[in-house]
PDB file of N, CA and C in Angstrom:
ATOM      1  N   MET A   1       0.836  -1.277  -0.072  1.00  0.00           N
ATOM      2  CA  MET A   1       0.058   0.021  -0.090  1.00  0.00           C
ATOM      3  C   MET A   1       0.916   1.275  -0.132  1.00  0.00           C
ATOM      4  N   GLN A   2       0.505   2.296  -0.797  1.00  0.00           N
ATOM      5  CA  GLN A   2       1.487   3.553  -0.857  1.00  0.00           C
ATOM      6  C   GLN A   2       0.524   4.574  -0.356  1.00  0.00           C
ATOM      7  N   ARG A   3       1.264   5.733   0.102  1.00  0.00           N
ATOM      8  CA  ARG A   3       0.495   6.661   0.760  1.00  0.00           C
ATOM      9  C   ARG A   3       1.168   7.805  -0.014  1.00  0.00           C
ATOM     10  N   LYS A   4       0.459   9.019  -0.157  1.00  0.00           N
ATOM     11  CA  LYS A   4       1.076  10.248  -0.634  1.00  0.00           C
ATOM     12  C   LYS A   4       1.113  11.189   0.604  1.00  0.00           C
ATOM     13  N   ARG A   5       2.256  11.771   0.653  1.00  0.00           N
ATOM     14  CA  ARG A   5       2.522  13.040   1.572  1.00  0.00           C
ATOM     15  C   ARG A   5       2.794  14.182   1.055  1.00  0.00           C
ATOM     16  N   GLY A   6       2.813  15.123   1.460  1.00  0.00           N
ATOM     17  CA  GLY A   6       3.247  16.597   1.054  1.00  0.00           C
ATOM     18  C   GLY A   6       4.367  17.194   2.012  1.00  0.00           C
ATOM     19  N   ARG A   7       5.421  17.515   1.294  1.00  0.00           N
ATOM     20  CA  ARG A   7       6.667  17.857   2.023  1.00  0.00           C
ATOM     21  C   ARG A   7       7.015  19.269   1.453  1.00  0.00           C
ATOM     22  N   ASP A   8       7.594  20.195   2.430  1.00  0.00           N
ATOM     23  CA  ASP A   8       7.773  21.601   2.267  1.00  0.00           C
ATOM     24  C   ASP A   8       9.272  21.666   1.659  1.00  0.00           C
ATOM     25  N   SER A   9       9.500  22.011   0.346  1.00  0.00           N
ATOM     26  CA  SER A   9      10.651  21.972  -0.337  1.00  0.00           C
ATOM     27  C   SER A   9      12.016  23.015   0.235  1.00  0.00           C
ATOM     28  N   THR A  10      11.358  24.024   1.124  1.00  0.00           N
ATOM     29  CA  THR A  10      12.516  25.049   1.731  1.00  0.00           C
ATOM     30  C   THR A  10      12.895  24.464   3.044  1.00  0.00           C
ATOM     31  N   ASN A  11      12.097  23.693   3.925  1.00  0.00           N
ATOM     32  CA  ASN A  11      12.563  23.515   5.124  1.00  0.00           C
ATOM     33  C   ASN A  11      12.498  21.840   5.337  1.00  0.00           C
ATOM     34  N   GLY A  12      11.781  21.082   4.407  1.00  0.00           N
ATOM     35  CA  GLY A  12      11.956  19.546   4.506  1.00  0.00           C
ATOM     36  C   GLY A  12      10.781  18.846   5.568  1.00  0.00           C
ATOM     37  N   ARG A  13       9.916  19.853   6.013  1.00  0.00           N
ATOM     38  CA  ARG A  13       8.951  19.213   6.964  1.00  0.00           C
ATOM     39  C   ARG A  13       7.812  18.995   6.183  1.00  0.00           C
ATOM     40  N   PHE A  14       7.133  17.939   6.648  1.00  0.00           N
ATOM     41  CA  PHE A  14       5.774  17.278   6.159  1.00  0.00           C
ATOM     42  C   PHE A  14       4.699  18.416   6.258  1.00  0.00           C
ATOM     43  N   ILE A  15       3.743  18.607   5.530  1.00  0.00           N
ATOM     44  CA  ILE A  15       2.597  19.526   5.429  1.00  0.00           C
ATOM     45  C   ILE A  15       1.407  18.685   5.065  1.00  0.00           C
ATOM     46  N   PRO A  16       0.281  19.273   5.310  1.00  0.00           N
ATOM     47  CA  PRO A  16      -0.867  18.454   4.873  1.00  0.00           C
ATOM     48  C   PRO A  16      -1.088  18.469   3.217  1.00  0.00           C
ATOM     49  N   LEU A  17      -1.629  17.372   2.598  1.00  0.00           N
ATOM     50  CA  LEU A  17      -1.591  17.063   1.501  1.00  0.00           C
ATOM     51  C   LEU A  17      -2.267  18.223   0.909  1.00  0.00           C
ATOM     52  N   GLU A  18      -3.249  18.694   1.108  1.00  0.00           N
ATOM     53  CA  GLU A  18      -4.007  19.815   0.428  1.00  0.00           C
ATOM     54  C   GLU A  18      -3.315  20.978   0.282  1.00  0.00           C
ATOM     55  N   GLU A  19      -2.647  21.503   1.326  1.00  0.00           N
ATOM     56  CA  GLU A  19      -1.751  22.484   1.214  1.00  0.00           C
ATOM     57  C   GLU A  19      -0.625  22.435   0.337  1.00  0.00           C
ATOM     58  N   ALA A  20      -0.094  21.146   0.196  1.00  0.00           N
ATOM     59  CA  ALA A  20       0.824  20.821  -0.921  1.00  0.00           C
ATOM     60  C   ALA A  20       0.457  20.805  -2.237  1.00  0.00           C
ATOM     61  N   ARG A  21      -0.612  20.674  -2.346  1.00  0.00           N
ATOM     62  CA  ARG A  21      -1.371  20.706  -3.956  1.00  0.00           C
ATOM     63  C   ARG A  21      -1.485  22.410  -3.976  1.00  0.00           C
ATOM     64  N   ARG A  22      -2.056  23.135  -3.277  1.00  0.00           N
ATOM     65  CA  ARG A  22      -2.278  24.403  -3.287  1.00  0.00           C
ATOM     66  C   ARG A  22      -0.983  25.181  -3.642  1.00  0.00           C
ATOM     67  N   ARG A  23       0.477  24.844  -3.211  1.00  0.00           N
ATOM     68  CA  ARG A  23       1.348  25.601  -3.451  1.00  0.00           C
ATOM     69  C   ARG A  23       2.441  24.451  -4.209  1.00  0.00           C
ATOM     70  N   PRO A  24       2.162  24.310  -5.555  1.00  0.00           N
ATOM     71  CA  PRO A  24       3.336  23.379  -6.330  1.00  0.00           C
ATOM     72  C   PRO A  24       4.419  23.789  -6.361  1.00  0.00           C
ATOM     73  N   ARG A  25       4.878  25.440  -6.413  1.00  0.00           N
ATOM     74  CA  ARG A  25       6.321  25.665  -6.796  1.00  0.00           C
ATOM     75  C   ARG A  25       7.179  25.719  -5.374  1.00  0.00           C
ATOM     76  N   GLU A  26       6.377  25.428  -4.146  1.00  0.00           N
ATOM     77  CA  GLU A  26       6.995  25.467  -2.975  1.00  0.00           C
ATOM     78  C   GLU A  26       7.170  23.898  -2.344  1.00  0.00           C
ATOM     79  N   THR A  27       6.474  23.087  -2.919  1.00  0.00           N
ATOM     80  CA  THR A  27       6.105  21.975  -2.263  1.00  0.00           C
ATOM     81  C   THR A  27       6.493  20.875  -3.045  1.00  0.00           C
ATOM     82  N   ILE A  28       6.402  19.513  -2.716  1.00  0.00           N
ATOM     83  CA  ILE A  28       6.737  18.173  -3.194  1.00  0.00           C
ATOM     84  C   ILE A  28       5.525  17.076  -2.716  1.00  0.00           C
ATOM     85  N   VAL A  29       5.088  16.592  -3.535  1.00  0.00           N
ATOM     86  CA  VAL A  29       4.079  15.437  -3.085  1.00  0.00           C
ATOM     87  C   VAL A  29       4.601  14.272  -3.489  1.00  0.00           C
ATOM     88  N   GLU A  30       5.017  13.602  -2.419  1.00  0.00           N
ATOM     89  CA  GLU A  30       5.761  12.138  -2.551  1.00  0.00           C
ATOM     90  C   GLU A  30       4.748  11.168  -2.285  1.00  0.00           C
ATOM     91  N   THR A  31       5.191   9.760  -2.816  1.00  0.00           N
ATOM     92  CA  THR A  31       4.701   8.638  -2.553  1.00  0.00           C
ATOM     93  C   THR A  31       5.416   7.839  -1.757  1.00  0.00           C
ATOM     94  N   VAL A  32       4.850   7.443  -0.579  1.00  0.00           N
ATOM     95  CA  VAL A  32       5.773   6.818   0.535  1.00  0.00           C
ATOM     96  C   VAL A  32       5.110   5.176   0.282  1.00  0.00           C
ATOM     97  N   LYS A  33       6.043   4.383   0.383  1.00  0.00           N
ATOM     98  CA  LYS A  33       5.666   2.946   0.670  1.00  0.00           C
ATOM     99  C   LYS A  33       5.352   2.487   1.817  1.00  0.00           C
ATOM    100  N   LYS A  34       4.383   1.809   2.257  1.00  0.00           N
ATOM    101  CA  LYS A  34       4.328   1.301   3.576  1.00  0.00           C
ATOM    102  C   LYS A  34       5.289   0.051   3.868  1.00  0.00           C
ATOM    103  N   PRO A  35       6.032   0.225   5.003  1.00  0.00           N
ATOM    104  CA  PRO A  35       6.983  -0.674   5.455  1.00  0.00           C
ATOM    105  C   PRO A  35       6.631  -2.003   5.483  1.00  0.00           C
ATOM    106  N   CYS A  36       7.280  -3.246   4.920  1.00  0.00           N
ATOM    107  CA  CYS A  36       6.672  -4.461   5.194  1.00  0.00           C
ATOM    108  C   CYS A  36       7.098  -4.736   6.561  1.00  0.00           C
ATOM    109  N   PRO A  37       6.195  -5.623   7.291  1.00  0.00           N
ATOM    110  CA  PRO A  37       6.483  -6.273   8.431  1.00  0.00           C
ATOM    111  C   PRO A  37       8.002  -7.237   8.466  1.00  0.00           C
ATOM    112  N   GLU A  38       8.665  -6.929   9.416  1.00  0.00           N
ATOM    113  CA  GLU A  38       9.657  -7.708   9.618  1.00  0.00           C
ATOM    114  C   GLU A  38       9.487  -8.933   9.976  1.00  0.00           C
ATOM    115  N   LYS A  39      10.217 -10.146   9.278  1.00  0.00           N
ATOM    116  CA  LYS A  39       9.946 -11.670   9.605  1.00  0.00           C
ATOM    117  C   LYS A  39      10.849 -11.987  10.876  1.00  0.00           C
ATOM    118  N   PRO A  40      10.770 -12.806  11.688  1.00  0.00           N
ATOM    119  CA  PRO A  40      11.493 -13.268  12.662  1.00  0.00           C
ATOM    120  C   PRO A  40      12.462 -14.229  12.137  1.00  0.00           C
ATOM    121  N   GLU A  41      13.898 -14.160  12.818  1.00  0.00           N
ATOM    122  CA  GLU A  41      14.962 -14.833  12.317  1.00  0.00           C
ATOM    123  C   GLU A  41      14.846 -16.323  12.807  1.00  0.00           C
ATOM    124  N   ARG A  42      15.148 -17.073  11.487  1.00  0.00           N
ATOM    125  CA  ARG A  42      15.029 -18.516  11.849  1.00  0.00           C
ATOM    126  C   ARG A  42      16.658 -19.122  12.427  1.00  0.00           C
ATOM    127  N   LYS A  43      16.075 -19.900  13.378  1.00  0.00           N
ATOM    128  CA  LYS A  43      17.643 -20.607  13.970  1.00  0.00           C
ATOM    129  C   LYS A  43      18.027 -21.814  13.196  1.00  0.00           C
TER     130      LYS A  43
END
């Protein structure tokens, strides 16, 4: 599963997605993949 995240390009902080789409010159909309659950080690 993938999620969209808004990031401010001037300071690198995450911002709401609606605000990122409103300011395309100053922001980036990233696609972040959900991390896979780690499998326990086998002995």
